[in-house]
């Protein structure tokens, strides 16, 4: 088995234990923000993560000024967010699915990197930044097309070369090249639906908003049709992750957690690996044998 670079014996033993309990089983995967940090997208709660007060869905829907602030920050971060590339962890999960070992990936991330890495069955619990929809008529728009329209309607916007990107593709209060984001966004033209002139919203679950019931059922079904659950890069603070873990435990499925630092469910895991997801998932992808026919 490939060993963890610079890893301690305890971590290496945990990887070997995880390989043993996952071997011969079809695996469902749940991923969180920690899977994408090596792609340059920060997480919410990891070590060194900046303190943030994300906009709630109530604020976004109720206030023109809040929507202006959101769309300015989101637009300035979009290019960097969209340019992020899948890392070794994403590619390892895609390789495991290609080999028939994964039933699919449930992700709490909105970056679309699992899809771009090649995973075919991906349940995006919290939505995706690739799409925007009208809350009035339901028309869906590609985010790339919307970004072009935002720049056309707001030609004064200058995207900094280097920015302090947030976990959902927005921008933190100041960019890293010394430019401060505008204190007032009053001159910004909020994008509207080109069909009905209604309010546009990114196709993501905001803070204070519930995951659509049909989306959670899809994730639940993926877990229940599997024989093991692998959780990677999630602190499991969000209740949806805990609910899926409990579904697996009720079926007496082994649960492996890979995360740098503690999670809310370490005591409930069959095996907990304290390590970076990119390297650990790569090792597991190499070590897990093909399923017997």
C-alpha atoms as a PDB file:
ATOM      1  CA  UNK A   1       0.000   0.000   0.000  1.00  0.00           C
ATOM      2  CA  UNK A   2       1.146   3.553  -0.734  1.00  0.00           C
ATOM      3  CA  UNK A   3       2.022   5.352   2.480  1.00  0.00           C
ATOM      4  CA  UNK A   4       0.981   8.841   3.532  1.00  0.00           C
ATOM      5  CA  UNK A   5       3.672  11.449   2.857  1.00  0.00           C
ATOM      6  CA  UNK A   6       5.064  12.496   6.211  1.00  0.00           C
ATOM      7  CA  UNK A   7       2.245  10.624   7.916  1.00  0.00           C
ATOM      8  CA  UNK A   8       2.501   9.277  11.434  1.00  0.00           C
ATOM      9  CA  UNK A   9       2.023   5.557  12.158  1.00  0.00           C
ATOM     10  CA  UNK A  10      -1.411   6.160  13.693  1.00  0.00           C
ATOM     11  CA  UNK A  11      -2.712   7.832  10.532  1.00  0.00           C
ATOM     12  CA  UNK A  12      -1.219   5.127   8.320  1.00  0.00           C
ATOM     13  CA  UNK A  13      -2.867   2.469  10.489  1.00  0.00           C
ATOM     14  CA  UNK A  14      -6.203   4.262  10.141  1.00  0.00           C
ATOM     15  CA  UNK A  15      -5.849   4.274   6.335  1.00  0.00           C
ATOM     16  CA  UNK A  16      -5.153   0.554   6.344  1.00  0.00           C
ATOM     17  CA  UNK A  17      -8.172  -0.046   8.613  1.00  0.00           C
ATOM     18  CA  UNK A  18     -10.356   2.023   6.292  1.00  0.00           C
ATOM     19  CA  UNK A  19      -9.160   0.061   3.270  1.00  0.00           C
ATOM     20  CA  UNK A  20     -10.054  -3.155   5.062  1.00  0.00           C
ATOM     21  CA  UNK A  21     -13.624  -2.126   5.950  1.00  0.00           C
ATOM     22  CA  UNK A  22     -14.320  -0.588   2.525  1.00  0.00           C
ATOM     23  CA  UNK A  23     -12.879  -3.429   0.453  1.00  0.00           C
ATOM     24  CA  UNK A  24     -15.482  -5.541  -1.325  1.00  0.00           C
ATOM     25  CA  UNK A  25     -18.287  -3.037  -0.711  1.00  0.00           C
ATOM     26  CA  UNK A  26     -20.030  -0.551  -2.993  1.00  0.00           C
ATOM     27  CA  UNK A  27     -19.392   2.844  -1.457  1.00  0.00           C
ATOM     28  CA  UNK A  28     -21.471   6.011  -1.218  1.00  0.00           C
ATOM     29  CA  UNK A  29     -19.435   9.193  -0.718  1.00  0.00           C
ATOM     30  CA  UNK A  30     -20.389  12.408   1.069  1.00  0.00           C
ATOM     31  CA  UNK A  31     -18.051  15.358   0.545  1.00  0.00           C
ATOM     32  CA  UNK A  32     -17.730  18.780   2.106  1.00  0.00           C
ATOM     33  CA  UNK A  33     -15.677  21.915   1.564  1.00  0.00           C
ATOM     34  CA  UNK A  34     -12.435  20.273   2.688  1.00  0.00           C
ATOM     35  CA  UNK A  35     -12.310  18.285  -0.553  1.00  0.00           C
ATOM     36  CA  UNK A  36     -11.964  21.512  -2.556  1.00  0.00           C
ATOM     37  CA  UNK A  37      -9.417  23.441  -0.492  1.00  0.00           C
ATOM     38  CA  UNK A  38      -6.550  22.037  -2.572  1.00  0.00           C
ATOM     39  CA  UNK A  39      -8.295  23.539  -5.615  1.00  0.00           C
ATOM     40  CA  UNK A  40      -7.973  26.999  -4.058  1.00  0.00           C
ATOM     41  CA  UNK A  41     -11.499  27.242  -2.669  1.00  0.00           C
ATOM     42  CA  UNK A  42     -11.468  27.892   1.088  1.00  0.00           C
ATOM     43  CA  UNK A  43     -13.751  26.146   3.529  1.00  0.00           C
ATOM     44  CA  UNK A  44     -15.992  27.627   6.204  1.00  0.00           C
ATOM     45  CA  UNK A  45     -14.644  26.043   9.362  1.00  0.00           C
ATOM     46  CA  UNK A  46     -11.194  24.644   8.703  1.00  0.00           C
ATOM     47  CA  UNK A  47      -8.039  25.828  10.383  1.00  0.00           C
ATOM     48  CA  UNK A  48      -7.287  29.390   9.255  1.00  0.00           C
ATOM     49  CA  UNK A  49     -10.690  29.940   7.663  1.00  0.00           C
ATOM     50  CA  UNK A  50     -11.663  33.625   7.919  1.00  0.00           C
ATOM     51  CA  UNK A  51     -14.616  34.606  10.059  1.00  0.00           C
ATOM     52  CA  UNK A  52     -17.647  35.149   7.848  1.00  0.00           C
ATOM     53  CA  UNK A  53     -21.259  36.214   8.206  1.00  0.00           C
ATOM     54  CA  UNK A  54     -22.897  34.752   5.079  1.00  0.00           C
ATOM     55  CA  UNK A  55     -25.986  36.419   3.677  1.00  0.00           C
ATOM     56  CA  UNK A  56     -29.208  34.654   4.605  1.00  0.00           C
ATOM     57  CA  UNK A  57     -31.968  33.886   2.138  1.00  0.00           C
ATOM     58  CA  UNK A  58     -34.267  36.295   4.012  1.00  0.00           C
ATOM     59  CA  UNK A  59     -31.791  39.148   3.519  1.00  0.00           C
ATOM     60  CA  UNK A  60     -31.302  38.326  -0.152  1.00  0.00           C
ATOM     61  CA  UNK A  61     -35.014  38.174  -0.960  1.00  0.00           C
ATOM     62  CA  UNK A  62     -36.087  41.178   1.118  1.00  0.00           C
ATOM     63  CA  UNK A  63     -33.618  43.894   0.201  1.00  0.00           C
ATOM     64  CA  UNK A  64     -32.453  45.458  -3.061  1.00  0.00           C
ATOM     65  CA  UNK A  65     -29.314  46.731  -1.320  1.00  0.00           C
ATOM     66  CA  UNK A  66     -28.528  43.236   0.000  1.00  0.00           C
ATOM     67  CA  UNK A  67     -28.915  41.771  -3.499  1.00  0.00           C
ATOM     68  CA  UNK A  68     -26.625  44.453  -4.895  1.00  0.00           C
ATOM     69  CA  UNK A  69     -23.953  43.612  -2.314  1.00  0.00           C
ATOM     70  CA  UNK A  70     -24.376  39.906  -3.042  1.00  0.00           C
ATOM     71  CA  UNK A  71     -24.147  40.184  -6.823  1.00  0.00           C
ATOM     72  CA  UNK A  72     -21.124  42.528  -6.729  1.00  0.00           C
ATOM     73  CA  UNK A  73     -19.179  40.182  -4.436  1.00  0.00           C
ATOM     74  CA  UNK A  74     -20.351  37.076  -6.261  1.00  0.00           C
ATOM     75  CA  UNK A  75     -19.482  38.487  -9.673  1.00  0.00           C
ATOM     76  CA  UNK A  76     -16.003  39.590  -8.582  1.00  0.00           C
ATOM     77  CA  UNK A  77     -15.335  36.082  -7.292  1.00  0.00           C
ATOM     78  CA  UNK A  78     -16.894  34.204 -10.198  1.00  0.00           C
ATOM     79  CA  UNK A  79     -13.896  34.108 -12.547  1.00  0.00           C
ATOM     80  CA  UNK A  80     -11.577  32.688  -9.886  1.00  0.00           C
ATOM     81  CA  UNK A  81     -14.247  30.277  -8.664  1.00  0.00           C
ATOM     82  CA  UNK A  82     -15.041  29.040 -12.166  1.00  0.00           C
ATOM     83  CA  UNK A  83     -11.337  28.650 -12.991  1.00  0.00           C
ATOM     84  CA  UNK A  84     -10.710  26.293 -10.051  1.00  0.00           C
ATOM     85  CA  UNK A  85      -9.700  22.840 -11.281  1.00  0.00           C
ATOM     86  CA  UNK A  86     -10.443  19.414  -9.786  1.00  0.00           C
ATOM     87  CA  UNK A  87      -7.668  18.216  -7.508  1.00  0.00           C
ATOM     88  CA  UNK A  88      -6.272  14.756  -6.786  1.00  0.00           C
ATOM     89  CA  UNK A  89      -9.094  13.988  -4.346  1.00  0.00           C
ATOM     90  CA  UNK A  90     -11.785  14.719  -6.930  1.00  0.00           C
ATOM     91  CA  UNK A  91      -9.941  12.639  -9.509  1.00  0.00           C
ATOM     92  CA  UNK A  92      -9.551   9.727  -7.088  1.00  0.00           C
ATOM     93  CA  UNK A  93     -13.322   9.611  -6.504  1.00  0.00           C
ATOM     94  CA  UNK A  94     -13.971   9.758 -10.246  1.00  0.00           C
ATOM     95  CA  UNK A  95     -11.559   6.846 -10.745  1.00  0.00           C
ATOM     96  CA  UNK A  96     -13.314   4.809  -8.043  1.00  0.00           C
ATOM     97  CA  UNK A  97     -16.669   5.374  -9.744  1.00  0.00           C
ATOM     98  CA  UNK A  98     -15.191   4.442 -13.102  1.00  0.00           C
ATOM     99  CA  UNK A  99     -14.080   1.133 -11.563  1.00  0.00           C
ATOM    100  CA  UNK A 100     -17.575   0.475 -10.241  1.00  0.00           C
ATOM    101  CA  UNK A 101     -16.673   0.846  -6.565  1.00  0.00           C
ATOM    102  CA  UNK A 102     -18.767   3.977  -5.948  1.00  0.00           C
ATOM    103  CA  UNK A 103     -22.535   4.244  -6.185  1.00  0.00           C
ATOM    104  CA  UNK A 104     -22.054   7.995  -6.489  1.00  0.00           C
ATOM    105  CA  UNK A 105     -21.122  11.209  -4.677  1.00  0.00           C
ATOM    106  CA  UNK A 106     -23.330  13.378  -2.483  1.00  0.00           C
ATOM    107  CA  UNK A 107     -21.677  16.774  -2.068  1.00  0.00           C
ATOM    108  CA  UNK A 108     -22.321  19.796   0.104  1.00  0.00           C
ATOM    109  CA  UNK A 109     -20.176  21.863  -2.280  1.00  0.00           C
ATOM    110  CA  UNK A 110     -21.513  24.189  -4.973  1.00  0.00           C
ATOM    111  CA  UNK A 111     -18.323  24.337  -7.074  1.00  0.00           C
ATOM    112  CA  UNK A 112     -19.175  21.590  -9.589  1.00  0.00           C
ATOM    113  CA  UNK A 113     -15.693  20.067  -9.335  1.00  0.00           C
ATOM    114  CA  UNK A 114     -16.913  16.483  -8.928  1.00  0.00           C
ATOM    115  CA  UNK A 115     -18.774  16.758 -12.230  1.00  0.00           C
ATOM    116  CA  UNK A 116     -15.748  18.276 -13.944  1.00  0.00           C
ATOM    117  CA  UNK A 117     -13.510  15.520 -12.527  1.00  0.00           C
ATOM    118  CA  UNK A 118     -15.663  12.911 -14.235  1.00  0.00           C
ATOM    119  CA  UNK A 119     -18.078  11.608 -11.608  1.00  0.00           C
ATOM    120  CA  UNK A 120     -21.335  10.751 -13.357  1.00  0.00           C
ATOM    121  CA  UNK A 121     -23.724  10.365 -10.425  1.00  0.00           C
ATOM    122  CA  UNK A 122     -23.412  13.486  -8.284  1.00  0.00           C
ATOM    123  CA  UNK A 123     -26.111  14.745  -5.918  1.00  0.00           C
ATOM    124  CA  UNK A 124     -25.436  18.435  -5.255  1.00  0.00           C
ATOM    125  CA  UNK A 125     -27.232  18.855  -1.914  1.00  0.00           C
ATOM    126  CA  UNK A 126     -26.704  22.605  -1.736  1.00  0.00           C
ATOM    127  CA  UNK A 127     -27.098  23.329  -5.440  1.00  0.00           C
ATOM    128  CA  UNK A 128     -24.566  24.683  -7.895  1.00  0.00           C
ATOM    129  CA  UNK A 129     -23.114  28.068  -8.788  1.00  0.00           C
ATOM    130  CA  UNK A 130     -23.209  27.039 -12.461  1.00  0.00           C
ATOM    131  CA  UNK A 131     -26.877  28.013 -12.705  1.00  0.00           C
ATOM    132  CA  UNK A 132     -29.083  30.981 -11.870  1.00  0.00           C
ATOM    133  CA  UNK A 133     -32.861  30.897 -11.931  1.00  0.00           C
ATOM    134  CA  UNK A 134     -35.767  33.328 -11.817  1.00  0.00           C
ATOM    135  CA  UNK A 135     -37.755  33.042  -8.579  1.00  0.00           C
ATOM    136  CA  UNK A 136     -40.875  34.247 -10.437  1.00  0.00           C
ATOM    137  CA  UNK A 137     -41.070  32.290 -13.698  1.00  0.00           C
ATOM    138  CA  UNK A 138     -38.477  29.561 -13.083  1.00  0.00           C
ATOM    139  CA  UNK A 139     -36.350  30.295 -16.160  1.00  0.00           C
ATOM    140  CA  UNK A 140     -32.809  28.913 -15.735  1.00  0.00           C
ATOM    141  CA  UNK A 141     -29.670  30.706 -16.963  1.00  0.00           C
ATOM    142  CA  UNK A 142     -26.056  29.613 -17.322  1.00  0.00           C
ATOM    143  CA  UNK A 143     -23.894  31.571 -14.883  1.00  0.00           C
ATOM    144  CA  UNK A 144     -21.300  32.268 -17.579  1.00  0.00           C
ATOM    145  CA  UNK A 145     -23.903  34.029 -19.701  1.00  0.00           C
ATOM    146  CA  UNK A 146     -25.103  36.011 -16.695  1.00  0.00           C
ATOM    147  CA  UNK A 147     -21.541  37.095 -15.859  1.00  0.00           C
ATOM    148  CA  UNK A 148     -21.133  38.481 -19.364  1.00  0.00           C
ATOM    149  CA  UNK A 149     -24.396  40.397 -19.009  1.00  0.00           C
ATOM    150  CA  UNK A 150     -23.382  41.799 -15.615  1.00  0.00           C
ATOM    151  CA  UNK A 151     -20.175  43.200 -17.106  1.00  0.00           C
ATOM    152  CA  UNK A 152     -22.021  44.629 -20.098  1.00  0.00           C
ATOM    153  CA  UNK A 153     -24.531  46.404 -17.839  1.00  0.00           C
ATOM    154  CA  UNK A 154     -21.892  47.493 -15.302  1.00  0.00           C
ATOM    155  CA  UNK A 155     -18.807  48.368 -17.381  1.00  0.00           C
ATOM    156  CA  UNK A 156     -17.220  50.209 -14.434  1.00  0.00           C
ATOM    157  CA  UNK A 157     -16.637  46.949 -12.553  1.00  0.00           C
ATOM    158  CA  UNK A 158     -12.983  45.909 -12.470  1.00  0.00           C
ATOM    159  CA  UNK A 159     -12.212  42.402 -11.351  1.00  0.00           C
ATOM    160  CA  UNK A 160      -8.992  42.388  -9.247  1.00  0.00           C
ATOM    161  CA  UNK A 161      -6.162  40.170 -10.444  1.00  0.00           C
ATOM    162  CA  UNK A 162      -5.916  38.521  -7.020  1.00  0.00           C
ATOM    163  CA  UNK A 163      -8.904  38.215  -4.728  1.00  0.00           C
ATOM    164  CA  UNK A 164      -9.769  36.874  -1.293  1.00  0.00           C
ATOM    165  CA  UNK A 165     -12.197  34.216  -2.460  1.00  0.00           C
ATOM    166  CA  UNK A 166     -14.963  32.913  -0.196  1.00  0.00           C
ATOM    167  CA  UNK A 167     -16.201  29.303  -0.025  1.00  0.00           C
ATOM    168  CA  UNK A 168     -19.221  29.938  -2.259  1.00  0.00           C
ATOM    169  CA  UNK A 169     -17.402  31.941  -4.908  1.00  0.00           C
ATOM    170  CA  UNK A 170     -18.042  35.347  -3.377  1.00  0.00           C
ATOM    171  CA  UNK A 171     -15.346  37.849  -2.417  1.00  0.00           C
ATOM    172  CA  UNK A 172     -14.252  38.766   1.063  1.00  0.00           C
ATOM    173  CA  UNK A 173     -14.240  42.473   2.040  1.00  0.00           C
ATOM    174  CA  UNK A 174     -10.936  43.268   0.389  1.00  0.00           C
ATOM    175  CA  UNK A 175      -8.936  41.768  -2.431  1.00  0.00           C
ATOM    176  CA  UNK A 176      -5.409  40.561  -1.823  1.00  0.00           C
ATOM    177  CA  UNK A 177      -3.796  42.996  -4.275  1.00  0.00           C
ATOM    178  CA  UNK A 178      -4.725  46.010  -2.169  1.00  0.00           C
ATOM    179  CA  UNK A 179      -7.964  46.988  -3.916  1.00  0.00           C
ATOM    180  CA  UNK A 180     -10.860  47.560  -1.557  1.00  0.00           C
ATOM    181  CA  UNK A 181     -14.289  46.592  -2.776  1.00  0.00           C
ATOM    182  CA  UNK A 182     -16.599  49.577  -3.306  1.00  0.00           C
ATOM    183  CA  UNK A 183     -18.190  50.812  -0.076  1.00  0.00           C
ATOM    184  CA  UNK A 184     -21.346  51.657  -2.000  1.00  0.00           C
ATOM    185  CA  UNK A 185     -22.899  49.413  -4.610  1.00  0.00           C
ATOM    186  CA  UNK A 186     -25.745  51.826  -5.357  1.00  0.00           C
ATOM    187  CA  UNK A 187     -24.705  52.201  -8.998  1.00  0.00           C
ATOM    188  CA  UNK A 188     -24.701  48.473  -9.656  1.00  0.00           C
ATOM    189  CA  UNK A 189     -27.461  47.213 -11.959  1.00  0.00           C
ATOM    190  CA  UNK A 190     -28.854  44.002 -10.473  1.00  0.00           C
ATOM    191  CA  UNK A 191     -29.333  41.348 -13.171  1.00  0.00           C
ATOM    192  CA  UNK A 192     -32.962  40.448 -13.804  1.00  0.00           C
ATOM    193  CA  UNK A 193     -34.731  37.708 -15.731  1.00  0.00           C
ATOM    194  CA  UNK A 194     -34.719  38.405 -19.467  1.00  0.00           C
ATOM    195  CA  UNK A 195     -38.050  36.571 -19.792  1.00  0.00           C
ATOM    196  CA  UNK A 196     -40.194  38.265 -17.133  1.00  0.00           C
ATOM    197  CA  UNK A 197     -37.868  40.854 -15.499  1.00  0.00           C
ATOM    198  CA  UNK A 198     -38.197  38.901 -12.251  1.00  0.00           C
ATOM    199  CA  UNK A 199     -35.655  38.396  -9.462  1.00  0.00           C
ATOM    200  CA  UNK A 200     -32.709  36.124 -10.166  1.00  0.00           C
ATOM    201  CA  UNK A 201     -31.174  33.866  -7.530  1.00  0.00           C
ATOM    202  CA  UNK A 202     -28.183  31.519  -7.809  1.00  0.00           C
ATOM    203  CA  UNK A 203     -29.256  27.887  -7.746  1.00  0.00           C
ATOM    204  CA  UNK A 204     -27.764  27.298  -4.310  1.00  0.00           C
ATOM    205  CA  UNK A 205     -29.154  26.768  -0.830  1.00  0.00           C
ATOM    206  CA  UNK A 206     -28.552  29.967   1.148  1.00  0.00           C
ATOM    207  CA  UNK A 207     -28.057  30.044   4.906  1.00  0.00           C
ATOM    208  CA  UNK A 208     -31.490  29.807   6.484  1.00  0.00           C
ATOM    209  CA  UNK A 209     -32.883  27.911   3.485  1.00  0.00           C
ATOM    210  CA  UNK A 210     -33.901  24.245   3.479  1.00  0.00           C
ATOM    211  CA  UNK A 211     -32.458  21.624   1.146  1.00  0.00           C
ATOM    212  CA  UNK A 212     -35.237  20.639  -1.301  1.00  0.00           C
ATOM    213  CA  UNK A 213     -36.945  17.473  -0.061  1.00  0.00           C
ATOM    214  CA  UNK A 214     -36.553  15.686  -3.396  1.00  0.00           C
ATOM    215  CA  UNK A 215     -32.812  16.427  -3.406  1.00  0.00           C
ATOM    216  CA  UNK A 216     -32.358  14.948   0.056  1.00  0.00           C
ATOM    217  CA  UNK A 217     -34.376  11.877  -0.926  1.00  0.00           C
ATOM    218  CA  UNK A 218     -32.053  11.371  -3.899  1.00  0.00           C
ATOM    219  CA  UNK A 219     -29.029  11.557  -1.592  1.00  0.00           C
ATOM    220  CA  UNK A 220     -30.671   9.232   0.918  1.00  0.00           C
ATOM    221  CA  UNK A 221     -31.447   6.669  -1.782  1.00  0.00           C
ATOM    222  CA  UNK A 222     -27.850   6.714  -2.955  1.00  0.00           C
ATOM    223  CA  UNK A 223     -26.684   5.925   0.590  1.00  0.00           C
ATOM    224  CA  UNK A 224     -29.320   3.246   1.197  1.00  0.00           C
ATOM    225  CA  UNK A 225     -28.406   1.367  -1.995  1.00  0.00           C
ATOM    226  CA  UNK A 226     -24.742   1.215  -0.924  1.00  0.00           C
ATOM    227  CA  UNK A 227     -22.793  -1.000   1.450  1.00  0.00           C
ATOM    228  CA  UNK A 228     -20.470   1.574   3.040  1.00  0.00           C
ATOM    229  CA  UNK A 229     -20.309   5.346   3.506  1.00  0.00           C
ATOM    230  CA  UNK A 230     -17.135   7.380   3.000  1.00  0.00           C
ATOM    231  CA  UNK A 231     -17.279  10.975   4.282  1.00  0.00           C
ATOM    232  CA  UNK A 232     -14.509  13.293   3.085  1.00  0.00           C
ATOM    233  CA  UNK A 233     -13.727  16.900   3.915  1.00  0.00           C
ATOM    234  CA  UNK A 234     -16.791  17.650   6.030  1.00  0.00           C
ATOM    235  CA  UNK A 235     -16.906  18.695   9.671  1.00  0.00           C
ATOM    236  CA  UNK A 236     -20.524  17.434   9.654  1.00  0.00           C
ATOM    237  CA  UNK A 237     -21.821  20.580  11.321  1.00  0.00           C
ATOM    238  CA  UNK A 238     -24.654  20.763   8.772  1.00  0.00           C
ATOM    239  CA  UNK A 239     -27.517  18.484   9.819  1.00  0.00           C
ATOM    240  CA  UNK A 240     -28.014  16.968   6.361  1.00  0.00           C
ATOM    241  CA  UNK A 241     -24.648  15.217   6.645  1.00  0.00           C
ATOM    242  CA  UNK A 242     -25.459  13.825  10.086  1.00  0.00           C
ATOM    243  CA  UNK A 243     -28.820  12.559   8.808  1.00  0.00           C
ATOM    244  CA  UNK A 244     -27.145  10.639   5.991  1.00  0.00           C
ATOM    245  CA  UNK A 245     -24.562   9.216   8.389  1.00  0.00           C
ATOM    246  CA  UNK A 246     -27.353   7.997  10.676  1.00  0.00           C
ATOM    247  CA  UNK A 247     -29.138   6.354   7.737  1.00  0.00           C
ATOM    248  CA  UNK A 248     -25.957   4.372   7.095  1.00  0.00           C
ATOM    249  CA  UNK A 249     -25.494   3.452  10.757  1.00  0.00           C
ATOM    250  CA  UNK A 250     -29.050   2.154  11.022  1.00  0.00           C
ATOM    251  CA  UNK A 251     -28.226  -0.204   8.159  1.00  0.00           C
ATOM    252  CA  UNK A 252     -25.072  -1.254  10.057  1.00  0.00           C
ATOM    253  CA  UNK A 253     -22.931   0.034   7.205  1.00  0.00           C
ATOM    254  CA  UNK A 254     -19.282   0.856   7.973  1.00  0.00           C
ATOM    255  CA  UNK A 255     -18.634   4.603   8.002  1.00  0.00           C
ATOM    256  CA  UNK A 256     -15.179   6.037   7.215  1.00  0.00           C
ATOM    257  CA  UNK A 257     -14.495   9.739   7.839  1.00  0.00           C
ATOM    258  CA  UNK A 258     -11.517  11.505   6.239  1.00  0.00           C
ATOM    259  CA  UNK A 259     -11.023  15.038   7.512  1.00  0.00           C
ATOM    260  CA  UNK A 260      -8.219  17.239   8.713  1.00  0.00           C
ATOM    261  CA  UNK A 261      -9.265  17.933  12.297  1.00  0.00           C
ATOM    262  CA  UNK A 262     -12.211  16.739  14.334  1.00  0.00           C
ATOM    263  CA  UNK A 263     -15.781  16.385  13.094  1.00  0.00           C
ATOM    264  CA  UNK A 264     -19.123  16.302  14.847  1.00  0.00           C
ATOM    265  CA  UNK A 265     -19.350  12.524  14.333  1.00  0.00           C
ATOM    266  CA  UNK A 266     -15.861  11.154  14.992  1.00  0.00           C
ATOM    267  CA  UNK A 267     -17.184   8.923  17.783  1.00  0.00           C
ATOM    268  CA  UNK A 268     -19.748   7.398  15.398  1.00  0.00           C
ATOM    269  CA  UNK A 269     -17.289   6.465  12.662  1.00  0.00           C
ATOM    270  CA  UNK A 270     -16.035   2.949  12.112  1.00  0.00           C
ATOM    271  CA  UNK A 271     -12.706   4.518  11.133  1.00  0.00           C
ATOM    272  CA  UNK A 272     -11.623   8.172  11.354  1.00  0.00           C
ATOM    273  CA  UNK A 273      -8.620   9.320   9.329  1.00  0.00           C
ATOM    274  CA  UNK A 274      -7.188  12.695  10.373  1.00  0.00           C
ATOM    275  CA  UNK A 275      -5.555  13.839   7.165  1.00  0.00           C
ATOM    276  CA  UNK A 276      -5.875  15.785   3.941  1.00  0.00           C
ATOM    277  CA  UNK A 277      -8.480  14.458   1.539  1.00  0.00           C
ATOM    278  CA  UNK A 278      -6.430  14.760  -1.666  1.00  0.00           C
ATOM    279  CA  UNK A 279      -3.673  12.428  -0.526  1.00  0.00           C
ATOM    280  CA  UNK A 280      -5.802  10.038   1.531  1.00  0.00           C
ATOM    281  CA  UNK A 281      -8.432   9.560  -1.184  1.00  0.00           C
ATOM    282  CA  UNK A 282      -5.659   8.935  -3.687  1.00  0.00           C
ATOM    283  CA  UNK A 283      -4.193   6.223  -1.463  1.00  0.00           C
ATOM    284  CA  UNK A 284      -7.606   4.604  -0.973  1.00  0.00           C
ATOM    285  CA  UNK A 285      -8.267   4.664  -4.720  1.00  0.00           C
ATOM    286  CA  UNK A 286      -5.002   2.799  -5.314  1.00  0.00           C
ATOM    287  CA  UNK A 287      -5.490   0.339  -2.472  1.00  0.00           C
ATOM    288  CA  UNK A 288      -9.118  -0.715  -2.865  1.00  0.00           C
ATOM    289  CA  UNK A 289      -9.453  -3.910  -4.906  1.00  0.00           C
ATOM    290  CA  UNK A 290     -11.949  -4.474  -7.694  1.00  0.00           C
ATOM    291  CA  UNK A 291     -15.324  -5.856  -6.648  1.00  0.00           C
ATOM    292  CA  UNK A 292     -15.702  -9.584  -7.101  1.00  0.00           C
ATOM    293  CA  UNK A 293     -18.251 -10.550  -9.752  1.00  0.00           C
END
